[in-house]
PDB file of all heavy atoms in Angstrom:
ATOM      1  N   GLY A   1       0.777  -1.213  -0.014  1.00  0.00           N
ATOM      2  CA  GLY A   1      -0.022  -0.010   0.012  1.00  0.00           C
ATOM      3  C   GLY A   1       0.876   1.230   0.021  1.00  0.00           C
ATOM      4  O   GLY A   1       0.418   2.306   0.619  1.00  0.00           O
ATOM      5  N   ILE A   2       1.953   1.272  -0.679  1.00  0.00           N
ATOM      6  CA  ILE A   2       2.797   2.471  -0.720  1.00  0.00           C
ATOM      7  C   ILE A   2       2.436   3.259  -1.937  1.00  0.00           C
ATOM      8  O   ILE A   2       2.476   2.761  -3.100  1.00  0.00           O
ATOM      9  CB  ILE A   2       4.321   2.047  -0.752  1.00  0.00           C
ATOM     10  CG1 ILE A   2       4.647   1.195   0.503  1.00  0.00           C
ATOM     11  CG2 ILE A   2       5.225   3.313  -0.894  1.00  0.00           C
ATOM     12  CD1 ILE A   2       6.071   0.635   0.488  1.00  0.00           C
ATOM     13  N   ILE A   3       2.172   4.572  -1.701  1.00  0.00           N
ATOM     14  CA  ILE A   3       1.783   5.438  -2.802  1.00  0.00           C
ATOM     15  C   ILE A   3       2.861   6.377  -3.148  1.00  0.00           C
ATOM     16  O   ILE A   3       3.531   6.953  -2.218  1.00  0.00           O
ATOM     17  CB  ILE A   3       0.502   6.261  -2.441  1.00  0.00           C
ATOM     18  CG1 ILE A   3      -0.649   5.365  -1.920  1.00  0.00           C
ATOM     19  CG2 ILE A   3       0.016   7.161  -3.559  1.00  0.00           C
ATOM     20  CD1 ILE A   3      -1.106   4.406  -2.977  1.00  0.00           C
ATOM     21  N   GLY A   4       3.176   6.564  -4.411  1.00  0.00           N
ATOM     22  CA  GLY A   4       4.149   7.514  -4.897  1.00  0.00           C
ATOM     23  C   GLY A   4       5.113   6.961  -5.889  1.00  0.00           C
ATOM     24  O   GLY A   4       5.366   5.792  -5.998  1.00  0.00           O
ATOM     25  N   ASN A   5       5.632   7.878  -6.637  1.00  0.00           N
ATOM     26  CA  ASN A   5       6.674   7.541  -7.695  1.00  0.00           C
ATOM     27  C   ASN A   5       7.930   8.305  -7.597  1.00  0.00           C
ATOM     28  O   ASN A   5       8.638   8.369  -8.583  1.00  0.00           O
ATOM     29  CB  ASN A   5       6.018   7.775  -9.129  1.00  0.00           C
ATOM     30  CG  ASN A   5       4.836   6.846  -9.371  1.00  0.00           C
ATOM     31  OD1 ASN A   5       4.932   5.620  -9.245  1.00  0.00           O
ATOM     32  ND2 ASN A   5       3.702   7.372  -9.774  1.00  0.00           N
ATOM     33  N   ASP A   6       8.218   8.906  -6.461  1.00  0.00           N
ATOM     34  CA  ASP A   6       9.392   9.663  -6.209  1.00  0.00           C
ATOM     35  C   ASP A   6      10.640   8.741  -6.394  1.00  0.00           C
ATOM     36  O   ASP A   6      10.635   7.594  -6.011  1.00  0.00           O
ATOM     37  CB  ASP A   6       9.422  10.264  -4.914  1.00  0.00           C
ATOM     38  CG  ASP A   6      10.633  11.105  -4.635  1.00  0.00           C
ATOM     39  OD1 ASP A   6      10.724  12.216  -5.089  1.00  0.00           O
ATOM     40  OD2 ASP A   6      11.549  10.639  -3.874  1.00  0.00           O
ATOM     41  N   ALA A   7      11.726   9.269  -7.016  1.00  0.00           N
ATOM     42  CA  ALA A   7      12.918   8.468  -7.350  1.00  0.00           C
ATOM     43  C   ALA A   7      13.554   8.048  -6.051  1.00  0.00           C
ATOM     44  O   ALA A   7      14.103   6.870  -5.941  1.00  0.00           O
ATOM     45  CB  ALA A   7      13.854   9.315  -8.190  1.00  0.00           C
ATOM     46  N   LYS A   8      13.642   8.909  -4.999  1.00  0.00           N
ATOM     47  CA  LYS A   8      14.253   8.537  -3.745  1.00  0.00           C
ATOM     48  C   LYS A   8      13.473   7.492  -2.989  1.00  0.00           C
ATOM     49  O   LYS A   8      14.051   6.520  -2.410  1.00  0.00           O
ATOM     50  CB  LYS A   8      14.438   9.811  -2.867  1.00  0.00           C
ATOM     51  CG  LYS A   8      15.396  10.780  -3.379  1.00  0.00           C
ATOM     52  CD  LYS A   8      15.487  11.959  -2.419  1.00  0.00           C
ATOM     53  CE  LYS A   8      16.468  13.037  -2.964  1.00  0.00           C
ATOM     54  NZ  LYS A   8      16.539  14.196  -1.993  1.00  0.00           N
ATOM     55  N   LEU A   9      12.074   7.555  -3.127  1.00  0.00           N
ATOM     56  CA  LEU A   9      11.291   6.471  -2.551  1.00  0.00           C
ATOM     57  C   LEU A   9      11.503   5.192  -3.232  1.00  0.00           C
ATOM     58  O   LEU A   9      11.652   4.142  -2.571  1.00  0.00           O
ATOM     59  CB  LEU A   9       9.839   6.940  -2.589  1.00  0.00           C
ATOM     60  CG  LEU A   9       8.814   5.952  -2.115  1.00  0.00           C
ATOM     61  CD1 LEU A   9       8.946   5.639  -0.646  1.00  0.00           C
ATOM     62  CD2 LEU A   9       7.413   6.385  -2.458  1.00  0.00           C
ATOM     63  N   ASN A  10      11.555   5.238  -4.576  1.00  0.00           N
ATOM     64  CA  ASN A  10      11.801   3.995  -5.296  1.00  0.00           C
ATOM     65  C   ASN A  10      13.133   3.387  -4.986  1.00  0.00           C
ATOM     66  O   ASN A  10      13.234   2.144  -4.904  1.00  0.00           O
ATOM     67  CB  ASN A  10      11.654   4.230  -6.805  1.00  0.00           C
ATOM     68  CG  ASN A  10      10.225   4.572  -7.198  1.00  0.00           C
ATOM     69  OD1 ASN A  10       9.247   4.228  -6.538  1.00  0.00           O
ATOM     70  ND2 ASN A  10      10.077   5.177  -8.375  1.00  0.00           N
ATOM     71  N   ARG A  11      14.132   4.178  -4.808  1.00  0.00           N
ATOM     72  CA  ARG A  11      15.476   3.664  -4.479  1.00  0.00           C
ATOM     73  C   ARG A  11      15.487   3.003  -3.066  1.00  0.00           C
ATOM     74  O   ARG A  11      16.099   1.958  -2.892  1.00  0.00           O
ATOM     75  CB  ARG A  11      16.447   4.815  -4.527  1.00  0.00           C
ATOM     76  CG  ARG A  11      17.882   4.460  -4.126  1.00  0.00           C
ATOM     77  CD  ARG A  11      18.395   3.300  -4.925  1.00  0.00           C
ATOM     78  NE  ARG A  11      19.733   2.895  -4.528  1.00  0.00           N
ATOM     79  CZ  ARG A  11      20.255   1.677  -4.728  1.00  0.00           C
ATOM     80  NH1 ARG A  11      19.604   0.765  -5.338  1.00  0.00           N
ATOM     81  NH2 ARG A  11      21.501   1.400  -4.317  1.00  0.00           N
ATOM     82  N   ALA A  12      14.779   3.579  -2.156  1.00  0.00           N
ATOM     83  CA  ALA A  12      14.698   3.005  -0.809  1.00  0.00           C
ATOM     84  C   ALA A  12      14.041   1.656  -0.780  1.00  0.00           C
ATOM     85  O   ALA A  12      14.480   0.713  -0.199  1.00  0.00           O
ATOM     86  CB  ALA A  12      13.894   3.964   0.171  1.00  0.00           C
ATOM     87  N   ILE A  13      12.941   1.550  -1.662  1.00  0.00           N
ATOM     88  CA  ILE A  13      12.235   0.238  -1.763  1.00  0.00           C
ATOM     89  C   ILE A  13      13.106  -0.778  -2.466  1.00  0.00           C
ATOM     90  O   ILE A  13      13.140  -1.949  -2.076  1.00  0.00           O
ATOM     91  CB  ILE A  13      10.906   0.412  -2.472  1.00  0.00           C
ATOM     92  CG1 ILE A  13       9.952   1.340  -1.680  1.00  0.00           C
ATOM     93  CG2 ILE A  13      10.226  -0.955  -2.782  1.00  0.00           C
ATOM     94  CD1 ILE A  13       8.737   1.735  -2.389  1.00  0.00           C
ATOM     95  N   GLU A  14      13.851  -0.348  -3.445  1.00  0.00           N
ATOM     96  CA  GLU A  14      14.697  -1.222  -4.218  1.00  0.00           C
ATOM     97  C   GLU A  14      15.867  -1.785  -3.235  1.00  0.00           C
ATOM     98  O   GLU A  14      16.113  -2.976  -3.300  1.00  0.00           O
ATOM     99  CB  GLU A  14      15.410  -0.443  -5.306  1.00  0.00           C
ATOM    100  CG  GLU A  14      16.302  -1.328  -6.214  1.00  0.00           C
ATOM    101  CD  GLU A  14      16.920  -0.575  -7.325  1.00  0.00           C
ATOM    102  OE1 GLU A  14      16.915   0.724  -7.281  1.00  0.00           O
ATOM    103  OE2 GLU A  14      17.557  -1.185  -8.164  1.00  0.00           O
ATOM    104  N   LYS A  15      16.425  -0.941  -2.486  1.00  0.00           N
ATOM    105  CA  LYS A  15      17.427  -1.371  -1.517  1.00  0.00           C
ATOM    106  C   LYS A  15      16.843  -2.415  -0.492  1.00  0.00           C
ATOM    107  O   LYS A  15      17.463  -3.438  -0.180  1.00  0.00           O
ATOM    108  CB  LYS A  15      18.014  -0.179  -0.732  1.00  0.00           C
ATOM    109  CG  LYS A  15      18.947   0.661  -1.599  1.00  0.00           C
ATOM    110  CD  LYS A  15      19.368   1.899  -0.874  1.00  0.00           C
ATOM    111  CE  LYS A  15      20.400   1.638   0.184  1.00  0.00           C
ATOM    112  NZ  LYS A  15      20.920   2.900   0.777  1.00  0.00           N
ATOM    113  N   ALA A  16      15.619  -2.171   0.009  1.00  0.00           N
ATOM    114  CA  ALA A  16      14.962  -3.082   0.896  1.00  0.00           C
ATOM    115  C   ALA A  16      14.773  -4.444   0.227  1.00  0.00           C
ATOM    116  O   ALA A  16      15.025  -5.530   0.882  1.00  0.00           O
ATOM    117  CB  ALA A  16      13.607  -2.513   1.330  1.00  0.00           C
ATOM    118  N   ILE A  17      14.399  -4.446  -1.011  1.00  0.00           N
ATOM    119  CA  ILE A  17      14.184  -5.753  -1.785  1.00  0.00           C
ATOM    120  C   ILE A  17      15.478  -6.487  -1.882  1.00  0.00           C
ATOM    121  O   ILE A  17      15.549  -7.677  -1.725  1.00  0.00           O
ATOM    122  CB  ILE A  17      13.572  -5.435  -3.141  1.00  0.00           C
ATOM    123  CG1 ILE A  17      12.097  -4.872  -2.937  1.00  0.00           C
ATOM    124  CG2 ILE A  17      13.468  -6.724  -3.982  1.00  0.00           C
ATOM    125  CD1 ILE A  17      11.475  -4.390  -4.237  1.00  0.00           C
ATOM    126  N   GLN A  18      16.541  -5.698  -2.150  1.00  0.00           N
ATOM    127  CA  GLN A  18      17.874  -6.313  -2.400  1.00  0.00           C
ATOM    128  C   GLN A  18      18.459  -6.955  -1.158  1.00  0.00           C
ATOM    129  O   GLN A  18      19.093  -8.009  -1.178  1.00  0.00           O
ATOM    130  CB  GLN A  18      18.827  -5.261  -2.964  1.00  0.00           C
ATOM    131  CG  GLN A  18      18.535  -4.906  -4.403  1.00  0.00           C
ATOM    132  CD  GLN A  18      19.458  -3.773  -4.868  1.00  0.00           C
ATOM    133  OE1 GLN A  18      19.878  -2.954  -4.140  1.00  0.00           O
ATOM    134  NE2 GLN A  18      19.615  -3.688  -6.176  1.00  0.00           N
ATOM    135  N   VAL A  19      18.279  -6.287   0.050  1.00  0.00           N
ATOM    136  CA  VAL A  19      18.911  -6.808   1.298  1.00  0.00           C
ATOM    137  C   VAL A  19      18.014  -7.823   2.000  1.00  0.00           C
ATOM    138  O   VAL A  19      18.500  -8.535   2.890  1.00  0.00           O
ATOM    139  CB  VAL A  19      19.244  -5.645   2.255  1.00  0.00           C
ATOM    140  CG1 VAL A  19      20.162  -4.707   1.585  1.00  0.00           C
ATOM    141  CG2 VAL A  19      17.971  -4.976   2.782  1.00  0.00           C
ATOM    142  N   ALA A  20      16.777  -7.996   1.519  1.00  0.00           N
ATOM    143  CA  ALA A  20      15.838  -8.850   2.287  1.00  0.00           C
ATOM    144  C   ALA A  20      16.286 -10.327   2.353  1.00  0.00           C
ATOM    145  O   ALA A  20      16.197 -10.877   3.416  1.00  0.00           O
ATOM    146  CB  ALA A  20      14.435  -8.792   1.610  1.00  0.00           C
ATOM    147  N   PRO A  21      16.843 -10.923   1.321  1.00  0.00           N
ATOM    148  CA  PRO A  21      17.201 -12.367   1.385  1.00  0.00           C
ATOM    149  C   PRO A  21      18.414 -12.605   2.284  1.00  0.00           C
ATOM    150  O   PRO A  21      18.675 -13.674   2.681  1.00  0.00           O
ATOM    151  CB  PRO A  21      17.586 -12.651  -0.074  1.00  0.00           C
ATOM    152  CG  PRO A  21      16.953 -11.656  -0.914  1.00  0.00           C
ATOM    153  CD  PRO A  21      16.940 -10.392  -0.050  1.00  0.00           C
ATOM    154  N   THR A  22      19.129 -11.529   2.742  1.00  0.00           N
ATOM    155  CA  THR A  22      20.299 -11.679   3.564  1.00  0.00           C
ATOM    156  C   THR A  22      19.912 -11.486   5.061  1.00  0.00           C
ATOM    157  O   THR A  22      18.747 -11.160   5.409  1.00  0.00           O
ATOM    158  CB  THR A  22      21.383 -10.662   3.232  1.00  0.00           C
ATOM    159  OG1 THR A  22      20.973  -9.342   3.615  1.00  0.00           O
ATOM    160  CG2 THR A  22      21.649 -10.702   1.713  1.00  0.00           C
ATOM    161  N   ASP A  23      20.905 -11.608   5.972  1.00  0.00           N
ATOM    162  CA  ASP A  23      20.647 -11.401   7.340  1.00  0.00           C
ATOM    163  C   ASP A  23      21.374 -10.047   7.802  1.00  0.00           C
ATOM    164  O   ASP A  23      21.652  -9.844   8.978  1.00  0.00           O
ATOM    165  CB  ASP A  23      21.194 -12.507   8.240  1.00  0.00           C
ATOM    166  CG  ASP A  23      20.171 -13.724   8.156  1.00  0.00           C
ATOM    167  OD1 ASP A  23      18.960 -13.433   7.989  1.00  0.00           O
ATOM    168  OD2 ASP A  23      20.636 -14.866   8.372  1.00  0.00           O
ATOM    169  N   ILE A  24      21.679  -9.164   6.880  1.00  0.00           N
ATOM    170  CA  ILE A  24      22.338  -7.897   7.115  1.00  0.00           C
ATOM    171  C   ILE A  24      21.422  -6.987   8.028  1.00  0.00           C
ATOM    172  O   ILE A  24      20.243  -6.902   7.763  1.00  0.00           O
ATOM    173  CB  ILE A  24      22.740  -7.206   5.875  1.00  0.00           C
ATOM    174  CG1 ILE A  24      23.733  -8.023   5.061  1.00  0.00           C
ATOM    175  CG2 ILE A  24      23.202  -5.793   6.088  1.00  0.00           C
ATOM    176  CD1 ILE A  24      24.107  -7.369   3.723  1.00  0.00           C
ATOM    177  N   SER A  25      22.065  -6.364   9.035  1.00  0.00           N
ATOM    178  CA  SER A  25      21.330  -5.464   9.797  1.00  0.00           C
ATOM    179  C   SER A  25      21.078  -4.165   8.969  1.00  0.00           C
ATOM    180  O   SER A  25      21.942  -3.705   8.251  1.00  0.00           O
ATOM    181  CB  SER A  25      22.111  -5.071  11.092  1.00  0.00           C
ATOM    182  OG  SER A  25      22.281  -6.211  11.867  1.00  0.00           O
ATOM    183  N   VAL A  26      19.857  -3.583   9.168  1.00  0.00           N
ATOM    184  CA  VAL A  26      19.487  -2.451   8.319  1.00  0.00           C
ATOM    185  C   VAL A  26      19.057  -1.319   9.290  1.00  0.00           C
ATOM    186  O   VAL A  26      18.330  -1.529  10.304  1.00  0.00           O
ATOM    187  CB  VAL A  26      18.306  -2.781   7.383  1.00  0.00           C
ATOM    188  CG1 VAL A  26      17.882  -1.573   6.602  1.00  0.00           C
ATOM    189  CG2 VAL A  26      18.708  -3.942   6.443  1.00  0.00           C
ATOM    190  N   LEU A  27      19.429  -0.026   8.971  1.00  0.00           N
ATOM    191  CA  LEU A  27      18.974   1.108   9.672  1.00  0.00           C
ATOM    192  C   LEU A  27      18.234   1.949   8.693  1.00  0.00           C
ATOM    193  O   LEU A  27      18.712   2.402   7.673  1.00  0.00           O
ATOM    194  CB  LEU A  27      20.199   1.883  10.239  1.00  0.00           C
ATOM    195  CG  LEU A  27      19.916   3.187  10.963  1.00  0.00           C
ATOM    196  CD1 LEU A  27      19.084   2.880  12.211  1.00  0.00           C
ATOM    197  CD2 LEU A  27      21.127   3.898  11.300  1.00  0.00           C
ATOM    198  N   VAL A  28      16.960   2.237   9.107  1.00  0.00           N
ATOM    199  CA  VAL A  28      16.094   3.044   8.302  1.00  0.00           C
ATOM    200  C   VAL A  28      16.016   4.531   8.945  1.00  0.00           C
ATOM    201  O   VAL A  28      15.783   4.641  10.078  1.00  0.00           O
ATOM    202  CB  VAL A  28      14.639   2.526   8.233  1.00  0.00           C
ATOM    203  CG1 VAL A  28      13.765   3.338   7.234  1.00  0.00           C
ATOM    204  CG2 VAL A  28      14.677   1.107   7.779  1.00  0.00           C
ATOM    205  N   THR A  29      16.314   5.512   8.137  1.00  0.00           N
ATOM    206  CA  THR A  29      16.421   6.885   8.624  1.00  0.00           C
ATOM    207  C   THR A  29      15.377   7.731   7.929  1.00  0.00           C
ATOM    208  O   THR A  29      15.038   7.472   6.745  1.00  0.00           O
ATOM    209  CB  THR A  29      17.833   7.448   8.440  1.00  0.00           C
ATOM    210  OG1 THR A  29      18.158   7.441   7.092  1.00  0.00           O
ATOM    211  CG2 THR A  29      18.913   6.657   9.222  1.00  0.00           C
ATOM    212  N   GLY A  30      14.981   8.771   8.516  1.00  0.00           N
ATOM    213  CA  GLY A  30      14.061   9.729   7.994  1.00  0.00           C
ATOM    214  C   GLY A  30      13.249  10.381   9.045  1.00  0.00           C
ATOM    215  O   GLY A  30      13.257   9.990  10.189  1.00  0.00           O
ATOM    216  N   GLU A  31      12.651  11.519   8.623  1.00  0.00           N
ATOM    217  CA  GLU A  31      11.886  12.327   9.586  1.00  0.00           C
ATOM    218  C   GLU A  31      10.684  11.503  10.105  1.00  0.00           C
ATOM    219  O   GLU A  31      10.230  10.522   9.538  1.00  0.00           O
ATOM    220  CB  GLU A  31      11.435  13.646   9.004  1.00  0.00           C
ATOM    221  CG  GLU A  31      12.610  14.540   8.542  1.00  0.00           C
ATOM    222  CD  GLU A  31      12.071  15.851   7.903  1.00  0.00           C
ATOM    223  OE1 GLU A  31      10.853  16.061   7.840  1.00  0.00           O
ATOM    224  OE2 GLU A  31      12.957  16.615   7.424  1.00  0.00           O
ATOM    225  N   SER A  32      10.114  12.036  11.196  1.00  0.00           N
ATOM    226  CA  SER A  32       8.914  11.384  11.826  1.00  0.00           C
ATOM    227  C   SER A  32       7.793  11.550  10.826  1.00  0.00           C
ATOM    228  O   SER A  32       7.514  12.638  10.261  1.00  0.00           O
ATOM    229  CB  SER A  32       8.560  12.100  13.183  1.00  0.00           C
ATOM    230  OG  SER A  32       7.449  11.507  13.762  1.00  0.00           O
TER     231      SER A  32
END
């Protein structure tokens, strides 16, 4: 249910998809 076509948003989702199969620790940053 994610709405939007912003390039930075798409890049964030792409990184999440790429690291998902691994066990790497992830830090998500951004404003409240």
